Amino acid sequence: MWKLSAIAIAAAVRGGEASAREVVDAHLARIAEVNPRVNAVTQLLADRARAAARETDRARAAGEPLGPLAGVPFTVKECTRIQGVPTTFGTPRFRELVAPADAVPVARLRAAGAIPIGHSNMPTLILAGMHTRSELYGDTRNPWDAARTPGGTSGGDGVAVATGMAALGLGNDSGGSVRIPATFCGVAALKPTTGRFAADQRMLGPDDPGPASQLLVTDGPLARSVADLRLAYETLAGPDPRDPRAVPAPLYGEPLDGRPRVAVVADPGGRGVHPSVRRAVEGAAEALRDAGYQVDEVPDVPRPDEALKAYHQLTSTEFAPSWPAVRQLLGEGGDRFIELTMRRNPPVDAAGLIRLMGTWMNIRRSWTEFLDAYPLLLGPVYTEPPVEPGLESRDQAGRDRVASAMRLCSVTSFVGVPAVAVPTGLDAEGLPTGVQLIGRPFREDLCLAAAQHVEDRLGTLTPIDPWM
């Protein structure tokens, strides 16, 4: 039963072909079998999940309507609140930080009938690097190859979904954090438009975070198929009084005039791209051509180097005031990634921040003009195959290499546009490859439709049994 899609699980539970308790028990058994090898699920919520399943089964027996995700188990990143469960951020200091209420996206998935089955691992405080390693829970391992990182920062969710421990994962993305683990683990992920999914980012008190967190961070689902991703998107979208950024934009926009135009950029910024990644982009482009899209290779995306520099300056400037205190929570070596990032991109002063916000608006304008001509952009998620764990924290060269490889993710988070990561197959070493489809603001529907065509042509890769 753990092999089923979220859509199939919900249909079976609603139709009485399976009970929610059977679904949860199957996934708990899968976690017991697989998690010791990959260390993706941190806080297992077995009793809570069984209780939620019993309530679902009771409701069905009583003839009450069930939601579109009835009985579907999902994991939740360690930084996202589940009522009554510690939100540890992967650090021992927050081991007892029990959440008083569900985060908005958790509440919405629950309302649709889904069942949180466990928290999932991430880098300590989301700051310790791209590789999923936390001070509290240790390393999460890539189920395809333990010598490669599963990516991050939503790496626990990527591994859990890829191995069948959960049908859906709830992560977040501020520069690739759902898209990179999805690609490295062979699953799909959605980074929505900023303002599409409501969230409350007041993590540790009444104060909201600074501009980088407000502008860059979005919650996002991971799934084994684009259809499941679409269902999660429909569930999570929409405004909430707790988030003044969230807008009631239509889930599905007006049809485009004529064939959708797709710009293809295999090497954004011209810094180089691995042959296997280029082949993945080419394969996806061919799939879209066959599906009737007008696919054009273009020289580059708008202002990639300027956008990447501004992205890192904005995040460094936000980190700087609290960094002396925050770094103490990261554990031994956990501060290297941010230290190396700030060394390469020092914080700016107040006047610099004002200029930076103007640059942000100007680059966004360049992108909206680009996407007015090309409603979709096809490109890499990461310009290399999965790298070794912790490369980004090893030294300056490692950090710069990783930051460069994930550049299209960082830039698209900076401009706030939606993107769907979708698998494209395996490379010569047997590792997953993938691409991302990037769209106009609030046109996630176009990204999902194009990703579906890629999946229809190239297939899905998971669930898998981890390496032995």
Protein backbone atom coordinates (compact mmCIF):
# COMPACT_ATOMS: atom_id res chain seq x y z
CA MET A 1 0.00 0.00 0.00
CA TRP A 2 2.95 2.36 0.54
CA LYS A 3 3.61 2.20 -3.19
CA LEU A 4 0.29 3.86 -4.03
CA SER A 5 -0.01 7.48 -5.09
CA ALA A 6 -1.75 10.01 -2.86
CA ILE A 7 -4.65 10.10 -5.29
CA ALA A 8 -4.99 6.30 -5.24
CA ILE A 9 -4.79 6.14 -1.44
CA ALA A 10 -7.50 8.76 -0.99
CA ALA A 11 -9.75 7.08 -3.55
CA ALA A 12 -9.33 3.70 -1.83
CA VAL A 13 -10.12 5.16 1.60
CA ARG A 14 -13.15 7.10 0.36
CA GLY A 15 -14.44 4.10 -1.55
CA GLY A 16 -13.93 1.62 1.28
CA GLU A 17 -11.38 -0.51 -0.57
CA ALA A 18 -8.90 0.24 2.22
CA SER A 19 -9.16 1.70 5.68
CA ALA A 20 -7.11 4.69 6.73
CA ARG A 21 -5.72 2.54 9.54
CA GLU A 22 -4.43 0.00 7.00
CA VAL A 23 -2.80 2.82 5.03
CA VAL A 24 -1.10 4.29 8.09
CA ASP A 25 0.05 0.90 9.36
CA ALA A 26 1.55 0.08 5.95
CA HIS A 27 3.53 3.32 5.97
CA LEU A 28 4.64 2.86 9.57
CA ALA A 29 5.92 -0.59 8.65
CA ARG A 30 7.75 0.89 5.68
CA ILE A 31 9.33 3.53 7.93
CA ALA A 32 10.46 0.82 10.36
CA GLU A 33 12.06 -1.06 7.47
CA VAL A 34 13.68 1.81 5.59
CA ASN A 35 14.31 4.75 7.92
CA PRO A 36 17.19 3.14 9.83
CA ARG A 37 19.09 3.13 6.54
CA VAL A 38 18.31 6.66 5.36
CA ASN A 39 17.46 8.65 8.52
CA ALA A 40 14.84 10.87 6.92
CA VAL A 41 11.98 10.71 9.46
CA THR A 42 12.96 12.29 12.77
CA GLN A 43 9.96 12.44 15.13
CA LEU A 44 7.66 9.52 14.29
CA LEU A 45 4.01 10.25 15.10
CA ALA A 46 2.75 6.67 15.11
CA ASP A 47 0.11 6.96 17.83
CA ARG A 48 -1.18 10.29 16.56
CA ALA A 49 -1.33 8.99 12.99
CA ARG A 50 -3.26 5.88 14.05
CA ALA A 51 -5.71 8.02 16.03
CA ALA A 52 -6.28 10.27 13.00
CA ALA A 53 -6.78 7.19 10.84
CA ARG A 54 -9.38 5.81 13.26
CA GLU A 55 -11.26 9.11 13.08
CA THR A 56 -11.18 8.98 9.27
CA ASP A 57 -12.53 5.43 9.31
CA ARG A 58 -15.22 6.42 11.81
CA ALA A 59 -16.29 9.32 9.60
CA ARG A 60 -16.52 7.10 6.56
CA ALA A 61 -18.56 4.48 8.42
CA ALA A 62 -20.94 7.22 9.55
CA GLY A 63 -21.43 8.38 5.97
CA GLU A 64 -19.67 11.68 6.49
CA PRO A 65 -17.89 13.21 3.48
CA LEU A 66 -14.12 12.69 3.31
CA GLY A 67 -11.61 15.14 1.89
CA PRO A 68 -9.60 14.82 -1.32
CA LEU A 69 -6.55 13.59 0.63
CA ALA A 70 -8.38 11.22 2.98
CA GLY A 71 -5.94 8.91 4.74
CA VAL A 72 -2.85 10.14 2.87
CA PRO A 73 0.28 10.10 5.10
CA PHE A 74 2.64 13.07 4.81
CA THR A 75 5.88 14.19 6.43
CA VAL A 76 6.51 17.70 7.73
CA LYS A 77 9.87 19.46 7.79
CA GLU A 78 11.35 20.02 11.27
CA CYS A 79 10.87 23.79 10.97
CA THR A 80 7.11 23.61 10.33
CA ARG A 81 4.74 23.38 13.27
CA ILE A 82 2.61 20.34 14.11
CA GLN A 83 0.35 20.95 17.08
CA GLY A 84 1.61 19.30 20.25
CA VAL A 85 4.94 18.25 18.72
CA PRO A 86 8.33 19.95 19.21
CA THR A 87 9.46 22.13 16.31
CA THR A 88 13.16 21.48 16.84
CA PHE A 89 14.73 23.10 13.78
CA GLY A 90 17.24 20.26 14.14
CA THR A 91 18.97 21.78 17.16
CA PRO A 92 19.03 20.41 20.73
CA ARG A 93 18.24 23.90 22.07
CA PHE A 94 14.67 23.62 20.68
CA ARG A 95 14.05 20.00 21.60
CA GLU A 96 11.21 21.06 23.93
CA LEU A 97 9.74 23.80 21.69
CA VAL A 98 6.25 22.27 21.48
CA ALA A 99 4.00 23.84 18.84
CA PRO A 100 0.73 25.27 20.21
CA ALA A 101 -1.00 24.95 16.83
CA ASP A 102 -0.52 23.58 13.33
CA ALA A 103 1.21 25.76 10.77
CA VAL A 104 -1.18 26.98 8.08
CA PRO A 105 -0.13 24.41 5.43
CA VAL A 106 -0.28 21.53 7.94
CA ALA A 107 -3.78 22.61 8.94
CA ARG A 108 -4.86 22.73 5.30
CA LEU A 109 -3.54 19.27 4.52
CA ARG A 110 -5.25 17.93 7.64
CA ALA A 111 -8.52 19.60 6.64
CA ALA A 112 -8.31 17.75 3.32
CA GLY A 113 -7.97 14.46 5.20
CA ALA A 114 -4.21 13.95 5.07
CA ILE A 115 -2.41 12.55 8.13
CA PRO A 116 0.98 13.81 9.39
CA ILE A 117 3.07 10.72 10.06
CA GLY A 118 6.31 12.32 11.20
CA HIS A 119 8.66 15.25 11.13
CA SER A 120 11.48 15.10 8.59
CA ASN A 121 15.14 16.01 8.80
CA MET A 122 16.77 19.18 7.52
CA PRO A 123 20.04 21.10 7.99
CA THR A 124 20.26 22.67 11.44
CA LEU A 125 18.12 25.84 11.58
CA ILE A 126 17.82 25.55 7.75
CA LEU A 127 21.19 27.37 7.72
CA ALA A 128 23.85 24.68 7.99
CA GLY A 129 24.08 24.04 4.24
CA MET A 130 22.42 22.31 1.32
CA HIS A 131 23.10 18.82 2.65
CA THR A 132 20.50 17.49 5.09
CA ARG A 133 22.44 17.12 8.31
CA SER A 134 21.17 18.42 11.64
CA GLU A 135 22.92 18.64 14.96
CA LEU A 136 20.01 16.89 16.67
CA TYR A 137 19.35 14.07 14.18
CA GLY A 138 22.49 13.60 12.08
CA ASP A 139 22.80 12.91 8.35
CA THR A 140 20.03 11.91 5.98
CA ARG A 141 21.29 9.64 3.21
CA ASN A 142 20.38 9.62 -0.46
CA PRO A 143 18.48 6.38 -1.19
CA TRP A 144 20.10 6.08 -4.61
CA ASP A 145 23.72 6.42 -3.42
CA ALA A 146 24.83 6.99 0.17
CA ALA A 147 27.96 8.77 -1.08
CA ARG A 148 25.79 11.55 -2.57
CA THR A 149 23.76 14.14 -0.71
CA PRO A 150 19.97 13.89 -0.85
CA GLY A 151 19.99 17.67 -1.14
CA GLY A 152 18.18 20.09 1.06
CA THR A 153 17.02 21.81 2.89
CA SER A 154 13.88 19.67 2.60
CA GLY A 155 16.01 16.54 2.18
CA GLY A 156 14.14 14.46 4.75
CA ASP A 157 10.90 14.93 2.83
CA GLY A 158 12.56 14.11 -0.49
CA VAL A 159 13.94 10.84 0.86
CA ALA A 160 10.73 9.91 2.69
CA VAL A 161 8.61 10.37 -0.42
CA ALA A 162 11.13 8.65 -2.72
CA THR A 163 11.29 5.54 -0.53
CA GLY A 164 7.57 5.18 0.14
CA MET A 165 7.62 6.25 3.77
CA ALA A 166 5.08 8.97 2.93
CA ALA A 167 2.98 9.78 -0.10
CA LEU A 168 3.57 13.53 0.27
CA GLY A 169 6.17 15.74 1.90
CA LEU A 170 5.69 19.29 3.13
CA GLY A 171 8.89 21.29 2.81
CA ASN A 172 9.77 24.87 2.09
CA ASP A 173 11.93 26.59 -0.50
CA SER A 174 13.89 29.83 -0.46
CA GLY A 175 16.40 28.99 -3.18
CA GLY A 176 15.87 25.37 -4.21
CA SER A 177 15.03 23.65 -0.93
CA VAL A 178 12.21 21.51 -2.32
CA ARG A 179 13.41 21.39 -5.92
CA ILE A 180 16.97 20.20 -5.22
CA PRO A 181 16.06 17.22 -2.97
CA ALA A 182 13.28 16.31 -5.38
CA THR A 183 15.77 16.16 -8.24
CA PHE A 184 18.45 14.35 -6.23
CA CYS A 185 15.92 11.79 -4.95
CA GLY A 186 13.89 11.28 -8.13
CA VAL A 187 10.57 12.88 -7.16
CA ALA A 188 8.59 15.99 -8.10
CA ALA A 189 8.19 19.26 -6.19
CA LEU A 190 6.44 22.60 -6.45
CA LYS A 191 7.80 25.98 -5.40
CA PRO A 192 4.77 28.27 -5.67
CA THR A 193 4.62 31.96 -6.43
CA THR A 194 5.35 34.14 -3.42
CA GLY A 195 1.88 34.84 -2.01
CA ARG A 196 0.20 31.72 -3.41
CA PHE A 197 0.39 29.65 -0.19
CA ALA A 198 -0.41 31.31 3.11
CA ALA A 199 2.08 30.91 5.96
CA ASP A 200 2.89 32.42 9.32
CA GLN A 201 6.65 32.84 9.60
CA ARG A 202 6.72 34.03 13.22
CA MET A 203 8.73 31.05 14.36
CA LEU A 204 10.07 31.90 17.80
CA GLY A 205 7.92 34.75 19.06
CA PRO A 206 5.60 37.59 18.03
CA ASP A 207 8.01 39.26 15.61
CA ASP A 208 8.09 38.58 11.89
CA PRO A 209 11.40 37.91 10.11
CA GLY A 210 13.25 40.32 7.86
CA PRO A 211 12.88 41.00 4.14
CA ALA A 212 14.77 37.96 2.85
CA SER A 213 12.54 35.53 4.73
CA GLN A 214 9.43 37.45 3.75
CA LEU A 215 10.34 37.62 0.06
CA LEU A 216 12.09 34.31 -0.56
CA VAL A 217 10.58 31.57 1.62
CA THR A 218 7.58 29.59 0.39
CA ASP A 219 6.15 26.30 1.58
CA GLY A 220 6.06 23.61 -1.08
CA PRO A 221 4.95 20.00 -1.50
CA LEU A 222 6.94 17.01 -2.75
CA ALA A 223 5.30 13.98 -4.38
CA ARG A 224 6.09 11.01 -6.58
CA SER A 225 3.88 12.21 -9.45
CA VAL A 226 2.79 15.50 -10.94
CA ALA A 227 -0.86 14.54 -10.41
CA ASP A 228 -0.26 14.21 -6.66
CA LEU A 229 1.59 17.52 -6.72
CA ARG A 230 -1.39 19.14 -8.39
CA LEU A 231 -3.73 17.83 -5.70
CA ALA A 232 -1.45 19.19 -2.97
CA TYR A 233 -1.30 22.53 -4.80
CA GLU A 234 -5.08 22.79 -4.90
CA THR A 235 -5.21 22.01 -1.19
CA LEU A 236 -2.52 24.43 -0.04
CA ALA A 237 -3.35 27.48 -2.16
CA GLY A 238 -5.31 30.48 -0.95
CA PRO A 239 -5.24 33.41 1.49
CA ASP A 240 -5.38 33.36 5.27
CA PRO A 241 -5.72 36.25 7.75
CA ARG A 242 -2.38 35.30 9.30
CA ASP A 243 -0.53 36.07 6.06
CA PRO A 244 -1.15 39.49 4.49
CA ARG A 245 1.04 38.50 1.53
CA ALA A 246 -1.26 35.68 0.40
CA VAL A 247 -3.71 36.58 -2.36
CA PRO A 248 -6.88 34.91 -3.68
CA ALA A 249 -5.51 34.35 -7.17
CA PRO A 250 -7.35 31.77 -9.32
CA LEU A 251 -5.87 28.28 -9.20
CA TYR A 252 -6.13 28.04 -12.99
CA GLY A 253 -5.61 31.05 -15.22
CA GLU A 254 -7.00 31.96 -18.61
CA PRO A 255 -5.95 29.73 -21.53
CA LEU A 256 -3.06 31.04 -23.56
CA ASP A 257 -3.49 32.24 -27.12
CA GLY A 258 -1.99 29.65 -29.43
CA ARG A 259 0.63 27.08 -28.54
CA PRO A 260 2.47 27.70 -25.26
CA ARG A 261 5.94 29.12 -25.86
CA VAL A 262 8.77 27.64 -23.83
CA ALA A 263 12.20 29.22 -23.50
CA VAL A 264 15.00 26.70 -22.92
CA VAL A 265 18.20 27.61 -21.07
CA ALA A 266 20.40 24.65 -20.20
CA ASP A 267 23.27 26.74 -18.79
CA PRO A 268 21.89 29.85 -17.06
CA GLY A 269 24.57 32.45 -16.65
CA GLY A 270 26.98 30.54 -18.88
CA ARG A 271 28.97 29.06 -15.98
CA GLY A 272 28.92 25.52 -17.30
CA VAL A 273 26.59 22.54 -17.04
CA HIS A 274 27.28 18.82 -16.68
CA PRO A 275 26.54 16.77 -19.84
CA SER A 276 23.97 14.61 -18.02
CA VAL A 277 22.10 17.71 -16.89
CA ARG A 278 22.16 19.15 -20.39
CA ARG A 279 20.77 15.86 -21.72
CA ALA A 280 17.98 16.01 -19.14
CA VAL A 281 16.99 19.49 -20.33
CA GLU A 282 17.14 18.39 -23.96
CA GLY A 283 14.99 15.33 -23.24
CA ALA A 284 12.37 17.44 -21.49
CA ALA A 285 12.41 19.95 -24.35
CA GLU A 286 11.77 17.16 -26.84
CA ALA A 287 8.88 15.89 -24.74
CA LEU A 288 7.29 19.33 -24.78
CA ARG A 289 7.78 19.70 -28.53
CA ASP A 290 6.04 16.39 -29.06
CA ALA A 291 3.20 17.60 -26.86
CA GLY A 292 2.66 20.64 -29.09
CA TYR A 293 4.61 23.33 -27.26
CA GLN A 294 6.65 25.88 -29.19
CA VAL A 295 10.11 25.32 -27.71
CA ASP A 296 12.90 27.81 -28.39
CA GLU A 297 16.45 27.85 -27.10
CA VAL A 298 17.26 31.35 -25.88
CA PRO A 299 20.63 32.88 -24.98
CA ASP A 300 20.01 33.22 -21.23
CA VAL A 301 17.60 34.12 -18.46
CA PRO A 302 17.30 37.79 -17.46
CA ARG A 303 20.25 39.21 -15.50
CA PRO A 304 21.33 35.97 -13.80
CA ASP A 305 24.59 37.16 -12.23
CA GLU A 306 23.10 40.40 -10.93
CA ALA A 307 20.10 38.55 -9.49
CA LEU A 308 22.29 35.93 -7.81
CA LYS A 309 24.50 38.59 -6.21
CA ALA A 310 21.47 40.51 -4.96
CA TYR A 311 19.94 37.30 -3.58
CA HIS A 312 23.03 36.55 -1.49
CA GLN A 313 23.47 40.16 -0.37
CA LEU A 314 19.87 40.28 0.82
CA THR A 315 20.18 37.07 2.84
CA SER A 316 23.56 38.04 4.31
CA THR A 317 22.21 41.41 5.37
CA GLU A 318 19.29 39.78 7.17
CA PHE A 319 21.52 37.23 8.91
CA ALA A 320 24.18 39.71 10.05
CA PRO A 321 22.56 41.32 13.15
CA SER A 322 21.62 38.01 14.78
CA TRP A 323 24.49 35.93 13.44
CA PRO A 324 26.71 35.98 16.59
CA ALA A 325 23.85 34.43 18.59
CA VAL A 326 22.49 32.16 15.84
CA ARG A 327 25.83 30.58 15.05
CA GLN A 328 26.01 29.25 18.60
CA LEU A 329 22.92 27.10 17.88
CA LEU A 330 24.37 25.46 14.78
CA GLY A 331 26.80 23.06 16.44
CA GLU A 332 30.35 22.26 15.42
CA GLY A 333 30.92 23.19 11.77
CA GLY A 334 27.29 24.13 11.25
CA ASP A 335 28.18 27.78 10.81
CA ARG A 336 30.61 27.28 7.93
CA PHE A 337 28.12 27.58 5.09
CA ILE A 338 26.74 30.95 6.19
CA GLU A 339 30.22 32.16 7.12
CA LEU A 340 31.51 31.30 3.66
CA THR A 341 28.44 32.87 2.04
CA MET A 342 28.82 36.10 4.01
CA ARG A 343 32.53 36.22 3.21
CA ARG A 344 31.74 36.08 -0.51
CA ASN A 345 28.71 38.40 -0.23
CA PRO A 346 29.14 40.76 2.75
CA PRO A 347 26.10 42.43 4.31
CA VAL A 348 25.24 45.91 3.06
CA ASP A 349 24.47 49.03 5.09
CA ALA A 350 21.11 50.84 5.25
CA ALA A 351 21.76 52.78 2.03
CA GLY A 352 22.86 49.57 0.35
CA LEU A 353 19.71 47.81 1.46
CA ILE A 354 17.57 50.56 -0.05
CA ARG A 355 19.46 50.18 -3.33
CA LEU A 356 19.13 46.41 -3.07
CA MET A 357 15.34 46.61 -2.76
CA GLY A 358 15.28 48.78 -5.86
CA THR A 359 17.42 46.22 -7.67
CA TRP A 360 15.03 43.48 -6.58
CA MET A 361 12.06 45.30 -8.14
CA ASN A 362 14.04 46.06 -11.30
CA ILE A 363 15.09 42.43 -11.79
CA ARG A 364 11.54 41.25 -11.16
CA ARG A 365 10.41 43.61 -13.92
CA SER A 366 12.97 42.11 -16.31
CA TRP A 367 11.62 38.66 -15.53
CA THR A 368 7.96 39.57 -15.98
CA GLU A 369 8.84 41.06 -19.37
CA PHE A 370 10.73 37.88 -20.28
CA LEU A 371 7.84 35.67 -19.15
CA ASP A 372 5.39 37.85 -21.06
CA ALA A 373 7.12 36.65 -24.23
CA TYR A 374 7.72 33.11 -22.94
CA PRO A 375 5.07 31.92 -20.46
CA LEU A 376 7.34 29.01 -19.50
CA LEU A 377 11.05 28.54 -18.97
CA LEU A 378 12.70 25.11 -19.00
CA GLY A 379 16.04 24.77 -17.25
CA PRO A 380 18.09 22.74 -14.79
CA VAL A 381 17.41 22.50 -11.08
CA TYR A 382 21.08 21.89 -10.32
CA THR A 383 23.77 22.03 -13.00
CA GLU A 384 25.64 18.95 -11.71
CA PRO A 385 24.69 15.44 -10.59
CA PRO A 386 24.21 15.06 -6.81
CA VAL A 387 27.45 15.98 -5.04
CA GLU A 388 29.07 14.53 -1.93
CA PRO A 389 27.49 15.38 1.44
CA GLY A 390 28.67 18.65 2.95
CA LEU A 391 30.62 19.95 -0.05
CA GLU A 392 29.15 23.43 0.47
CA SER A 393 30.59 23.65 3.99
CA ARG A 394 34.02 22.19 3.27
CA ASP A 395 35.76 25.34 2.03
CA GLN A 396 35.16 28.45 -0.04
CA ALA A 397 35.60 26.60 -3.32
CA GLY A 398 33.01 23.99 -2.29
CA ARG A 399 30.52 26.62 -1.19
CA ASP A 400 30.97 28.59 -4.42
CA ARG A 401 30.58 25.46 -6.54
CA VAL A 402 27.31 24.52 -4.86
CA ALA A 403 25.94 28.07 -4.97
CA SER A 404 26.74 28.22 -8.67
CA ALA A 405 25.12 24.86 -9.45
CA MET A 406 21.84 25.88 -7.78
CA ARG A 407 21.83 29.35 -9.33
CA LEU A 408 18.60 29.07 -11.31
CA CYS A 409 16.77 28.01 -8.13
CA SER A 410 18.15 30.98 -6.20
CA VAL A 411 17.34 33.45 -8.95
CA THR A 412 13.77 32.24 -9.41
CA SER A 413 13.17 32.39 -5.65
CA PHE A 414 14.52 35.94 -5.71
CA VAL A 415 12.00 37.01 -8.36
CA GLY A 416 9.17 35.05 -6.71
CA VAL A 417 7.96 33.02 -9.68
CA PRO A 418 6.58 29.46 -9.53
CA ALA A 419 8.52 26.36 -10.56
CA VAL A 420 7.88 22.63 -10.74
CA ALA A 421 10.76 20.15 -10.53
CA VAL A 422 10.10 16.90 -12.40
CA PRO A 423 12.28 13.81 -12.90
CA THR A 424 13.63 12.96 -16.35
CA GLY A 425 15.26 9.56 -15.81
CA LEU A 426 18.64 8.23 -14.68
CA ASP A 427 22.12 9.21 -15.74
CA ALA A 428 24.96 6.84 -16.67
CA GLU A 429 25.78 6.34 -12.98
CA GLY A 430 22.20 5.39 -12.13
CA LEU A 431 21.43 8.68 -10.38
CA PRO A 432 18.18 10.61 -10.91
CA THR A 433 18.10 13.59 -13.24
CA GLY A 434 15.47 16.29 -13.42
CA VAL A 435 14.51 19.71 -14.71
CA GLN A 436 12.32 22.58 -13.62
CA LEU A 437 9.49 24.33 -15.42
CA ILE A 438 9.29 27.99 -14.40
CA GLY A 439 6.27 30.15 -15.10
CA ARG A 440 4.63 33.51 -14.82
CA PRO A 441 3.55 34.63 -11.35
CA PHE A 442 0.44 32.76 -10.20
CA ARG A 443 0.51 30.44 -13.22
CA GLU A 444 1.48 27.28 -11.37
CA ASP A 445 -1.12 25.61 -13.58
CA LEU A 446 1.05 26.14 -16.66
CA CYS A 447 4.09 24.71 -14.88
CA LEU A 448 2.15 21.66 -13.69
CA ALA A 449 0.65 21.02 -17.13
CA ALA A 450 4.06 21.15 -18.80
CA ALA A 451 5.61 18.95 -16.08
CA GLN A 452 2.82 16.44 -16.65
CA HIS A 453 3.78 16.20 -20.33
CA VAL A 454 7.40 15.59 -19.35
CA GLU A 455 6.36 12.90 -16.90
CA ASP A 456 4.04 11.28 -19.47
CA ARG A 457 6.98 11.00 -21.86
CA LEU A 458 9.80 10.12 -19.46
CA GLY A 459 8.00 8.33 -16.62
CA THR A 460 8.41 8.27 -12.85
CA LEU A 461 11.29 6.82 -10.84
CA THR A 462 9.95 6.09 -7.36
CA PRO A 463 9.16 4.59 -4.89
CA ILE A 464 12.43 2.75 -4.57
CA ASP A 465 14.20 0.52 -2.07
CA PRO A 466 17.33 2.26 -0.78
CA TRP A 467 20.81 1.01 -1.55
CA MET A 468 21.82 -1.92 0.61
